[in-house]
Amino acid sequence: MVRIPLKRRTQNHFKSIYFGVLTTGADCAGGFMAMRLVQESGQNVSLLIKDFKAEFLKRAEGDVLFTCEDGSAICVLVDKALISDDRVNTTVPSLLGSEPVAIFELTLTLKKRS
């Protein structure tokens, strides 16, 4: 989970969280899990975001909590990357709390480097 507070630096002139801040939170929620698993493997694997989709449902007028509940798919992706020389991809959703203000889908792409 990633929490981003509504503060002077994260809010726009409408007193809601900037679009860019929300997308960064979604990137971190899905990407941190994959980064941790890659680091724990001790192998050299590149991690990129290949695709990013967002659906904004309402304004984020307070602190936001990003969650990524697809850890098992990320584990499988990292395992595939560690045994393959090909680039592997998976799409993971990232939600904003129990009453979402937005829904994000990120396609993570991994490739083992020599």
C-alpha atoms as a PDB file:
ATOM      1  CA  MET A   1       0.000   0.000   0.000  1.00  0.00           C
ATOM      2  CA  VAL A   2       1.072   3.541  -0.739  1.00  0.00           C
ATOM      3  CA  ARG A   3      -0.455   6.528   1.065  1.00  0.00           C
ATOM      4  CA  ILE A   4      -0.267  10.051  -0.340  1.00  0.00           C
ATOM      5  CA  PRO A   5      -1.488  12.883   1.885  1.00  0.00           C
ATOM      6  CA  LEU A   6      -3.461  15.850   0.582  1.00  0.00           C
ATOM      7  CA  LYS A   7      -1.062  18.719   1.244  1.00  0.00           C
ATOM      8  CA  ARG A   8      -0.136  22.028  -0.334  1.00  0.00           C
ATOM      9  CA  ARG A   9       2.354  20.348  -2.710  1.00  0.00           C
ATOM     10  CA  THR A  10       0.001  17.538  -3.794  1.00  0.00           C
ATOM     11  CA  GLN A  11      -3.205  19.537  -4.277  1.00  0.00           C
ATOM     12  CA  ASN A  12      -4.344  21.575  -7.243  1.00  0.00           C
ATOM     13  CA  HIS A  13      -6.356  24.807  -7.239  1.00  0.00           C
ATOM     14  CA  PHE A  14      -9.589  22.778  -6.829  1.00  0.00           C
ATOM     15  CA  LYS A  15      -8.311  21.451  -3.449  1.00  0.00           C
ATOM     16  CA  SER A  16      -8.036  17.908  -4.813  1.00  0.00           C
ATOM     17  CA  ILE A  17      -4.952  15.816  -5.551  1.00  0.00           C
ATOM     18  CA  TYR A  18      -3.126  16.498  -8.803  1.00  0.00           C
ATOM     19  CA  PHE A  19      -3.586  14.021 -11.662  1.00  0.00           C
ATOM     20  CA  GLY A  20       0.199  13.468 -11.814  1.00  0.00           C
ATOM     21  CA  VAL A  21       0.375  12.651  -8.108  1.00  0.00           C
ATOM     22  CA  LEU A  22      -2.393  10.061  -8.497  1.00  0.00           C
ATOM     23  CA  THR A  23      -0.629   8.373 -11.408  1.00  0.00           C
ATOM     24  CA  THR A  24       2.642   8.318  -9.470  1.00  0.00           C
ATOM     25  CA  GLY A  25       0.898   6.631  -6.534  1.00  0.00           C
ATOM     26  CA  ALA A  26      -0.562   3.981  -8.837  1.00  0.00           C
ATOM     27  CA  ASP A  27       2.868   3.383 -10.381  1.00  0.00           C
ATOM     28  CA  CYS A  28       4.405   2.925  -6.929  1.00  0.00           C
ATOM     29  CA  ALA A  29       1.657   0.587  -5.664  1.00  0.00           C
ATOM     30  CA  GLY A  30       2.219  -1.928  -8.461  1.00  0.00           C
ATOM     31  CA  GLY A  31       5.892  -1.321  -9.101  1.00  0.00           C
ATOM     32  CA  PHE A  32       7.234  -1.509  -5.528  1.00  0.00           C
ATOM     33  CA  MET A  33       6.052  -5.092  -5.125  1.00  0.00           C
ATOM     34  CA  ALA A  34       7.787  -6.181  -8.328  1.00  0.00           C
ATOM     35  CA  MET A  35      10.946  -4.241  -7.417  1.00  0.00           C
ATOM     36  CA  ARG A  36      11.129  -5.911  -3.999  1.00  0.00           C
ATOM     37  CA  LEU A  37      10.786  -9.390  -5.495  1.00  0.00           C
ATOM     38  CA  VAL A  38      13.458  -8.650  -8.114  1.00  0.00           C
ATOM     39  CA  GLN A  39      15.837  -7.324  -5.449  1.00  0.00           C
ATOM     40  CA  GLU A  40      15.249 -10.403  -3.257  1.00  0.00           C
ATOM     41  CA  SER A  41      16.120 -12.667  -6.200  1.00  0.00           C
ATOM     42  CA  GLY A  42      19.577 -11.093  -6.427  1.00  0.00           C
ATOM     43  CA  GLN A  43      19.414 -11.193 -10.224  1.00  0.00           C
ATOM     44  CA  ASN A  44      19.688  -8.333 -12.685  1.00  0.00           C
ATOM     45  CA  VAL A  45      16.174  -7.717 -14.079  1.00  0.00           C
ATOM     46  CA  SER A  46      14.897  -4.569 -15.786  1.00  0.00           C
ATOM     47  CA  LEU A  47      11.411  -3.393 -14.794  1.00  0.00           C
ATOM     48  CA  LEU A  48       9.345  -0.999 -16.884  1.00  0.00           C
ATOM     49  CA  ILE A  49       5.746   0.143 -17.182  1.00  0.00           C
ATOM     50  CA  LYS A  50       4.643  -0.776 -20.715  1.00  0.00           C
ATOM     51  CA  ASP A  51       1.058   0.456 -20.569  1.00  0.00           C
ATOM     52  CA  PHE A  52      -0.997   2.595 -18.196  1.00  0.00           C
ATOM     53  CA  LYS A  53      -4.779   3.002 -18.119  1.00  0.00           C
ATOM     54  CA  ALA A  54      -6.729   5.202 -15.733  1.00  0.00           C
ATOM     55  CA  GLU A  55     -10.396   5.678 -14.929  1.00  0.00           C
ATOM     56  CA  PHE A  56     -11.083   8.675 -12.699  1.00  0.00           C
ATOM     57  CA  LEU A  57     -14.359   8.307 -10.802  1.00  0.00           C
ATOM     58  CA  LYS A  58     -14.396  11.408  -8.594  1.00  0.00           C
ATOM     59  CA  ARG A  59     -12.072  14.049  -7.164  1.00  0.00           C
ATOM     60  CA  ALA A  60      -9.582  12.954  -4.506  1.00  0.00           C
ATOM     61  CA  GLU A  61     -10.321  15.547  -1.817  1.00  0.00           C
ATOM     62  CA  GLY A  62      -8.342  13.911   0.992  1.00  0.00           C
ATOM     63  CA  ASP A  63      -5.444  11.567   1.641  1.00  0.00           C
ATOM     64  CA  VAL A  64      -5.400   8.618  -0.765  1.00  0.00           C
ATOM     65  CA  LEU A  65      -4.367   5.022  -0.144  1.00  0.00           C
ATOM     66  CA  PHE A  66      -3.238   3.010  -3.173  1.00  0.00           C
ATOM     67  CA  THR A  67      -3.469  -0.774  -3.087  1.00  0.00           C
ATOM     68  CA  CYS A  68      -2.389  -3.471  -5.505  1.00  0.00           C
ATOM     69  CA  GLU A  69      -4.091  -6.764  -4.709  1.00  0.00           C
ATOM     70  CA  ASP A  70      -2.527  -8.810  -7.497  1.00  0.00           C
ATOM     71  CA  GLY A  71       0.641  -9.901  -5.703  1.00  0.00           C
ATOM     72  CA  SER A  72       0.328 -13.493  -6.904  1.00  0.00           C
ATOM     73  CA  ALA A  73       0.390 -12.403 -10.576  1.00  0.00           C
ATOM     74  CA  ILE A  74       3.440 -10.226  -9.882  1.00  0.00           C
ATOM     75  CA  CYS A  75       5.217 -13.168  -8.200  1.00  0.00           C
ATOM     76  CA  VAL A  76       4.504 -15.366 -11.224  1.00  0.00           C
ATOM     77  CA  LEU A  77       5.766 -12.615 -13.544  1.00  0.00           C
ATOM     78  CA  VAL A  78       9.046 -12.252 -11.646  1.00  0.00           C
ATOM     79  CA  ASP A  79       9.526 -16.038 -11.602  1.00  0.00           C
ATOM     80  CA  LYS A  80       8.964 -16.188 -15.374  1.00  0.00           C
ATOM     81  CA  ALA A  81      11.449 -13.353 -15.947  1.00  0.00           C
ATOM     82  CA  LEU A  82      14.112 -15.121 -13.877  1.00  0.00           C
ATOM     83  CA  ILE A  83      13.977 -18.310 -15.986  1.00  0.00           C
ATOM     84  CA  SER A  84      13.454 -16.737 -19.418  1.00  0.00           C
ATOM     85  CA  ASP A  85      15.569 -14.636 -21.738  1.00  0.00           C
ATOM     86  CA  ASP A  86      12.415 -13.076 -23.184  1.00  0.00           C
ATOM     87  CA  ARG A  87      10.531 -10.025 -21.944  1.00  0.00           C
ATOM     88  CA  VAL A  88       7.440 -10.985 -19.906  1.00  0.00           C
ATOM     89  CA  ASN A  89       4.370  -8.825 -19.175  1.00  0.00           C
ATOM     90  CA  THR A  90       1.354  -8.742 -16.890  1.00  0.00           C
ATOM     91  CA  THR A  91      -1.347  -6.167 -16.215  1.00  0.00           C
ATOM     92  CA  VAL A  92      -2.124  -5.378 -12.589  1.00  0.00           C
ATOM     93  CA  PRO A  93      -4.886  -3.192 -11.175  1.00  0.00           C
ATOM     94  CA  SER A  94      -4.164  -0.482  -8.625  1.00  0.00           C
ATOM     95  CA  LEU A  95      -7.075   0.907  -6.611  1.00  0.00           C
ATOM     96  CA  LEU A  96      -7.527   3.944  -4.427  1.00  0.00           C
ATOM     97  CA  GLY A  97      -8.920   2.669  -1.121  1.00  0.00           C
ATOM     98  CA  SER A  98     -12.258   1.029  -0.363  1.00  0.00           C
ATOM     99  CA  GLU A  99     -14.239   3.817  -2.066  1.00  0.00           C
ATOM    100  CA  PRO A 100     -12.148   4.317  -5.190  1.00  0.00           C
ATOM    101  CA  VAL A 101     -11.721   7.749  -6.701  1.00  0.00           C
ATOM    102  CA  ALA A 102      -9.832   6.115  -9.567  1.00  0.00           C
ATOM    103  CA  ILE A 103      -8.927   2.715 -10.967  1.00  0.00           C
ATOM    104  CA  PHE A 104      -5.581   2.183 -12.668  1.00  0.00           C
ATOM    105  CA  GLU A 105      -4.218  -0.696 -14.741  1.00  0.00           C
ATOM    106  CA  LEU A 106      -0.471  -0.921 -15.278  1.00  0.00           C
ATOM    107  CA  THR A 107       1.263  -3.400 -17.547  1.00  0.00           C
ATOM    108  CA  LEU A 108       4.536  -4.349 -15.932  1.00  0.00           C
ATOM    109  CA  THR A 109       7.233  -5.696 -18.206  1.00  0.00           C
ATOM    110  CA  LEU A 110      10.336  -7.504 -16.969  1.00  0.00           C
ATOM    111  CA  LYS A 111      13.426  -8.839 -18.687  1.00  0.00           C
ATOM    112  CA  LYS A 112      16.446 -10.576 -17.215  1.00  0.00           C
ATOM    113  CA  ARG A 113      19.658  -8.827 -18.158  1.00  0.00           C
ATOM    114  CA  SER A 114      22.956 -10.584 -18.755  1.00  0.00           C
END
